[in-house]
N, C-alpha and C. Protein backbone atom coordinates (compact mmCIF):
# COMPACT_ATOMS: atom_id res chain seq x y z
N MET A 1 15.22 46.44 22.48
CA MET A 1 16.19 45.69 23.16
C MET A 1 17.46 46.51 23.11
N GLY A 2 18.08 46.84 24.16
CA GLY A 2 19.28 47.58 24.22
C GLY A 2 20.37 46.84 23.90
N ASP A 3 21.56 47.48 23.55
CA ASP A 3 22.87 46.92 23.14
C ASP A 3 23.49 46.67 24.41
N ASN A 4 23.23 45.59 25.10
CA ASN A 4 23.99 45.15 26.36
C ASN A 4 24.26 43.67 26.24
N LYS A 5 24.98 43.15 27.14
CA LYS A 5 25.34 41.83 27.15
C LYS A 5 24.18 40.83 27.06
N ARG A 6 23.15 41.09 27.86
CA ARG A 6 21.96 40.12 27.85
C ARG A 6 21.25 40.23 26.46
N GLY A 7 21.13 41.36 25.84
CA GLY A 7 20.47 41.57 24.52
C GLY A 7 21.32 40.87 23.49
N ARG A 8 22.64 41.00 23.37
CA ARG A 8 23.57 40.30 22.51
C ARG A 8 23.40 38.82 22.56
N GLU A 9 23.33 38.34 23.80
CA GLU A 9 23.27 36.75 24.01
C GLU A 9 21.86 36.30 23.56
N LYS A 10 20.78 37.03 23.80
CA LYS A 10 19.60 36.69 23.27
C LYS A 10 19.56 36.66 21.78
N GLN A 11 20.09 37.58 21.03
CA GLN A 11 20.14 37.60 19.75
C GLN A 11 20.87 36.44 19.14
N ALA A 12 22.07 36.10 19.81
CA ALA A 12 22.92 34.94 19.34
C ALA A 12 22.18 33.68 19.60
N ASP A 13 21.42 33.55 20.66
CA ASP A 13 20.53 32.37 20.94
C ASP A 13 19.48 32.23 19.87
N ASP A 14 18.85 33.29 19.64
CA ASP A 14 17.79 33.34 18.66
C ASP A 14 18.24 32.94 17.23
N GLU A 15 19.36 33.49 16.86
CA GLU A 15 19.92 33.14 15.60
C GLU A 15 20.38 31.65 15.42
N GLU A 16 20.93 31.12 16.52
CA GLU A 16 21.33 29.72 16.60
C GLU A 16 20.09 28.87 16.46
N ARG A 17 18.94 29.18 17.10
CA ARG A 17 17.74 28.37 17.01
C ARG A 17 17.09 28.46 15.58
N ARG A 18 17.20 29.68 14.98
CA ARG A 18 16.72 29.80 13.74
C ARG A 18 17.55 29.04 12.70
N GLN A 19 18.77 29.04 12.88
CA GLN A 19 19.59 28.22 11.93
C GLN A 19 19.36 26.68 12.14
N GLN A 20 19.18 26.11 13.30
CA GLN A 20 18.78 24.91 13.53
C GLN A 20 17.48 24.55 12.85
N GLU A 21 16.45 25.43 12.97
CA GLU A 21 15.22 25.21 12.29
C GLU A 21 15.24 25.19 10.80
N ARG A 22 16.16 26.00 10.26
CA ARG A 22 16.33 26.00 8.78
C ARG A 22 17.02 24.66 8.38
N GLU A 23 17.91 24.24 9.12
CA GLU A 23 18.51 22.87 8.77
C GLU A 23 17.77 21.77 8.83
N VAL A 24 16.85 21.72 9.88
CA VAL A 24 15.80 20.66 9.95
C VAL A 24 14.80 20.72 8.78
N GLU A 25 14.36 21.97 8.42
CA GLU A 25 13.45 21.96 7.29
C GLU A 25 14.01 21.62 5.94
N GLU A 26 15.31 22.08 5.82
CA GLU A 26 15.99 21.66 4.51
C GLU A 26 16.09 20.17 4.53
N ALA A 27 16.50 19.49 5.57
CA ALA A 27 16.46 17.97 5.62
C ALA A 27 15.22 17.31 5.30
N ARG A 28 14.15 17.83 5.85
CA ARG A 28 12.82 17.29 5.56
C ARG A 28 12.48 17.52 4.11
N SER A 29 12.74 18.59 3.50
CA SER A 29 12.42 18.87 2.08
C SER A 29 13.24 18.05 1.13
N ARG A 30 14.42 17.63 1.53
CA ARG A 30 15.32 16.82 0.71
C ARG A 30 15.20 15.26 1.00
N ALA A 31 14.36 14.86 1.87
CA ALA A 31 14.30 13.43 2.21
C ALA A 31 13.86 12.50 1.11
N ASP A 32 13.09 13.11 0.08
CA ASP A 32 12.59 12.24 -1.00
C ASP A 32 13.57 12.28 -2.20
N GLU A 33 14.68 12.99 -2.14
CA GLU A 33 15.53 13.17 -3.27
C GLU A 33 16.35 11.91 -3.37
N ALA A 34 16.71 11.53 -4.60
CA ALA A 34 17.64 10.37 -4.85
C ALA A 34 19.09 10.71 -4.33
N GLU A 35 19.68 9.64 -3.84
CA GLU A 35 21.06 9.82 -3.34
C GLU A 35 22.00 10.30 -4.54
N PRO A 36 22.92 11.19 -4.26
CA PRO A 36 23.82 11.73 -5.32
C PRO A 36 24.80 10.70 -5.67
N LEU A 37 25.32 10.84 -6.93
CA LEU A 37 26.41 9.92 -7.27
C LEU A 37 27.63 10.12 -6.48
N ARG A 38 28.28 9.04 -6.21
CA ARG A 38 29.47 9.20 -5.47
C ARG A 38 30.58 9.63 -6.49
N ASP A 39 31.62 10.26 -5.90
CA ASP A 39 32.74 10.81 -6.84
C ASP A 39 33.37 9.68 -7.59
N ASP A 40 33.55 8.47 -6.90
CA ASP A 40 34.15 7.33 -7.41
C ASP A 40 33.16 6.35 -7.86
N PRO A 41 33.06 6.16 -9.13
CA PRO A 41 31.92 5.18 -9.67
C PRO A 41 32.19 3.68 -9.46
N THR A 42 33.44 3.34 -9.03
CA THR A 42 33.81 2.03 -8.75
C THR A 42 32.95 1.37 -7.63
N GLY A 43 32.34 0.30 -8.02
CA GLY A 43 31.49 -0.35 -6.86
C GLY A 43 30.06 -0.07 -7.00
N GLN A 44 29.62 0.82 -7.93
CA GLN A 44 28.27 1.14 -8.12
C GLN A 44 27.38 0.15 -8.78
N LEU A 45 28.06 -0.80 -9.46
CA LEU A 45 27.24 -1.79 -10.28
C LEU A 45 27.20 -3.15 -9.63
N GLY A 46 27.50 -3.24 -8.34
CA GLY A 46 27.33 -4.43 -7.58
C GLY A 46 28.34 -5.50 -8.06
N ASP A 47 27.86 -6.74 -8.34
CA ASP A 47 28.68 -7.80 -8.64
C ASP A 47 29.33 -7.73 -10.12
N LEU A 48 28.59 -6.86 -10.93
CA LEU A 48 29.00 -6.61 -12.30
C LEU A 48 30.36 -5.88 -12.23
N ASP A 49 30.68 -5.02 -11.27
CA ASP A 49 31.87 -4.31 -11.15
C ASP A 49 33.07 -5.15 -11.17
N GLU A 50 33.07 -6.19 -10.32
CA GLU A 50 34.19 -7.11 -10.23
C GLU A 50 34.33 -7.87 -11.50
N ALA A 51 33.25 -8.35 -12.12
CA ALA A 51 33.37 -9.03 -13.42
C ALA A 51 34.02 -8.12 -14.39
N LEU A 52 33.58 -6.85 -14.53
CA LEU A 52 34.22 -5.96 -15.52
C LEU A 52 35.55 -5.65 -15.29
N GLU A 53 36.10 -5.60 -13.91
CA GLU A 53 37.46 -5.27 -13.66
C GLU A 53 38.30 -6.53 -14.13
N ASN A 54 37.72 -7.82 -14.08
CA ASN A 54 38.54 -8.95 -14.41
C ASN A 54 38.42 -9.30 -15.93
N HIS A 55 37.57 -8.55 -16.72
CA HIS A 55 37.37 -8.85 -18.07
C HIS A 55 38.53 -8.33 -18.91
N ALA A 56 38.77 -9.03 -20.11
CA ALA A 56 39.92 -8.67 -20.97
C ALA A 56 39.28 -7.67 -22.09
N TYR A 57 40.10 -6.50 -22.16
CA TYR A 57 39.71 -5.46 -23.15
C TYR A 57 40.74 -5.29 -24.13
N PRO A 58 40.30 -4.85 -25.40
CA PRO A 58 38.95 -4.24 -25.71
C PRO A 58 37.93 -5.23 -25.85
N SER A 59 36.66 -4.79 -25.66
CA SER A 59 35.49 -5.66 -25.82
C SER A 59 34.38 -4.85 -26.33
N THR A 60 33.40 -5.45 -27.04
CA THR A 60 32.32 -4.77 -27.63
C THR A 60 31.14 -4.94 -26.79
N THR A 61 30.00 -4.06 -27.04
CA THR A 61 28.87 -4.18 -26.33
C THR A 61 28.23 -5.56 -26.41
N ASN A 62 28.22 -6.12 -27.77
CA ASN A 62 27.61 -7.34 -28.06
C ASN A 62 28.36 -8.56 -27.09
N GLU A 63 29.61 -8.43 -26.97
CA GLU A 63 30.50 -9.39 -26.19
C GLU A 63 30.11 -9.29 -24.73
N LEU A 64 29.97 -8.03 -24.30
CA LEU A 64 29.65 -7.89 -22.87
C LEU A 64 28.25 -8.38 -22.48
N VAL A 65 27.32 -8.11 -23.42
CA VAL A 65 25.94 -8.54 -23.20
C VAL A 65 25.95 -10.12 -23.25
N GLU A 66 26.68 -10.70 -24.16
CA GLU A 66 26.65 -12.15 -24.28
C GLU A 66 27.25 -12.82 -22.95
N ARG A 67 28.29 -12.11 -22.35
CA ARG A 67 28.93 -12.64 -21.19
C ARG A 67 28.28 -12.26 -19.93
N TYR A 68 27.86 -11.06 -19.81
CA TYR A 68 27.33 -10.40 -18.51
C TYR A 68 25.82 -9.94 -18.61
N GLY A 69 25.14 -10.27 -19.58
CA GLY A 69 23.81 -9.77 -19.89
C GLY A 69 22.86 -10.06 -18.75
N GLY A 70 23.06 -11.15 -17.94
CA GLY A 70 22.15 -11.55 -16.89
C GLY A 70 22.45 -10.79 -15.57
N TYR A 71 23.53 -9.90 -15.49
CA TYR A 71 23.91 -9.30 -14.24
C TYR A 71 22.75 -8.22 -14.14
N ASP A 72 22.36 -7.94 -12.97
CA ASP A 72 21.36 -6.86 -12.67
C ASP A 72 22.12 -5.71 -12.10
N VAL A 73 21.71 -4.46 -12.54
CA VAL A 73 22.21 -3.23 -12.02
C VAL A 73 21.05 -2.33 -11.47
N GLU A 74 21.35 -1.68 -10.43
CA GLU A 74 20.35 -0.78 -9.82
C GLU A 74 20.05 0.38 -10.67
N THR A 75 18.79 0.71 -10.99
CA THR A 75 18.48 1.89 -11.77
C THR A 75 17.62 2.67 -10.91
N GLN A 76 17.15 3.86 -11.40
CA GLN A 76 16.31 4.83 -10.56
C GLN A 76 14.91 4.13 -10.50
N ASN A 77 14.57 3.22 -11.34
CA ASN A 77 13.19 2.56 -11.28
C ASN A 77 13.33 1.19 -10.77
N GLY A 78 14.35 0.80 -10.05
CA GLY A 78 14.49 -0.57 -9.55
C GLY A 78 15.77 -1.24 -10.12
N GLU A 79 15.55 -2.33 -10.72
CA GLU A 79 16.74 -3.12 -11.27
C GLU A 79 16.47 -3.39 -12.77
N ALA A 80 17.59 -3.53 -13.48
CA ALA A 80 17.48 -3.99 -14.91
C ALA A 80 18.75 -4.76 -15.28
N SER A 81 18.60 -5.74 -16.17
CA SER A 81 19.79 -6.53 -16.50
C SER A 81 20.64 -5.70 -17.39
N LEU A 82 21.88 -6.09 -17.50
CA LEU A 82 22.87 -5.41 -18.38
C LEU A 82 22.31 -5.38 -19.90
N GLU A 83 21.75 -6.58 -20.19
CA GLU A 83 21.15 -6.67 -21.46
C GLU A 83 20.12 -5.71 -21.72
N GLU A 84 19.25 -5.42 -20.75
CA GLU A 84 18.18 -4.43 -20.93
C GLU A 84 18.80 -3.09 -21.01
N VAL A 85 19.74 -2.70 -20.23
CA VAL A 85 20.48 -1.42 -20.22
C VAL A 85 21.11 -1.21 -21.60
N PHE A 86 21.73 -2.11 -22.17
CA PHE A 86 22.29 -1.97 -23.42
C PHE A 86 21.44 -2.24 -24.67
N ALA A 87 20.20 -2.51 -24.47
CA ALA A 87 19.23 -2.87 -25.51
C ALA A 87 19.04 -1.69 -26.43
N SER A 88 19.06 -0.47 -26.04
CA SER A 88 18.89 0.69 -26.93
C SER A 88 20.08 1.23 -27.52
N THR A 89 21.26 0.57 -27.40
CA THR A 89 22.44 1.10 -27.92
C THR A 89 23.00 0.29 -29.06
N ASP A 90 23.87 0.96 -29.80
CA ASP A 90 24.61 0.21 -30.90
C ASP A 90 25.80 -0.47 -30.34
N ASP A 91 26.32 -1.32 -31.08
CA ASP A 91 27.61 -2.03 -30.69
C ASP A 91 28.69 -1.07 -30.68
N GLN A 92 29.38 -1.00 -29.60
CA GLN A 92 30.55 -0.04 -29.53
C GLN A 92 31.81 -0.81 -28.90
N THR A 93 32.91 -0.30 -28.93
CA THR A 93 34.11 -0.90 -28.38
C THR A 93 34.49 -0.21 -27.05
N TYR A 94 34.83 -1.00 -26.08
CA TYR A 94 35.27 -0.49 -24.77
C TYR A 94 36.63 -0.99 -24.46
N TYR A 95 37.46 -0.01 -23.90
CA TYR A 95 38.81 -0.33 -23.70
C TYR A 95 39.20 -0.59 -22.33
N SER A 96 38.16 -0.32 -21.36
CA SER A 96 38.52 -0.57 -19.87
C SER A 96 37.17 -0.81 -19.22
N ALA A 97 37.28 -1.33 -18.00
CA ALA A 97 36.05 -1.35 -17.15
C ALA A 97 35.49 -0.05 -16.86
N ASP A 98 36.32 1.08 -16.75
CA ASP A 98 35.79 2.40 -16.50
C ASP A 98 34.95 2.90 -17.80
N ASP A 99 35.33 2.49 -18.93
CA ASP A 99 34.65 2.93 -20.13
C ASP A 99 33.25 2.23 -19.93
N VAL A 100 33.18 1.03 -19.69
CA VAL A 100 31.94 0.25 -19.59
C VAL A 100 31.08 0.95 -18.52
N ARG A 101 31.62 1.02 -17.29
CA ARG A 101 30.97 1.64 -16.16
C ARG A 101 30.35 2.98 -16.48
N SER A 102 31.12 3.85 -17.18
CA SER A 102 30.62 5.19 -17.46
C SER A 102 29.47 5.04 -18.45
N ARG A 103 29.56 4.18 -19.43
CA ARG A 103 28.54 4.01 -20.41
C ARG A 103 27.20 3.49 -19.73
N VAL A 104 27.35 2.53 -18.81
CA VAL A 104 26.16 1.95 -18.15
C VAL A 104 25.53 2.96 -17.27
N LEU A 105 26.30 3.67 -16.38
CA LEU A 105 25.76 4.75 -15.57
C LEU A 105 25.08 5.88 -16.32
N GLY A 106 25.67 6.15 -17.46
CA GLY A 106 25.03 7.23 -18.32
C GLY A 106 23.66 6.65 -18.83
N LEU A 107 23.61 5.36 -19.26
CA LEU A 107 22.35 4.86 -19.78
C LEU A 107 21.25 4.73 -18.63
N ILE A 108 21.66 4.51 -17.44
CA ILE A 108 20.69 4.32 -16.36
C ILE A 108 20.37 5.63 -15.63
N HIS A 109 21.06 6.67 -16.15
CA HIS A 109 20.79 8.07 -15.60
C HIS A 109 20.91 8.11 -14.17
N ARG A 110 21.98 7.61 -13.58
CA ARG A 110 22.27 7.67 -12.16
C ARG A 110 22.79 9.02 -11.70
């Protein structure tokens, strides 16, 4: 293929087509991946988020479980109650809703 206008246009068209094919293939290969975490964790725990925002701090794990243990949070394997999420942890003190949220998200490996 010579270096002329028609040849350059064909090369550009071919490259554009190949790029589109690569993007489609990448999208297909990533379709089964879990959604990434959002940069802002606020709102990721459903109804529990609002309850945590309105809770008085400091508070302990045991106090939170006693009050909100029945709230369900979404995990990689479905849903679990806050009580189930905290079951494997020791009692610790939290100073804000963000502290609790970070701990819960860490425990459910989101």
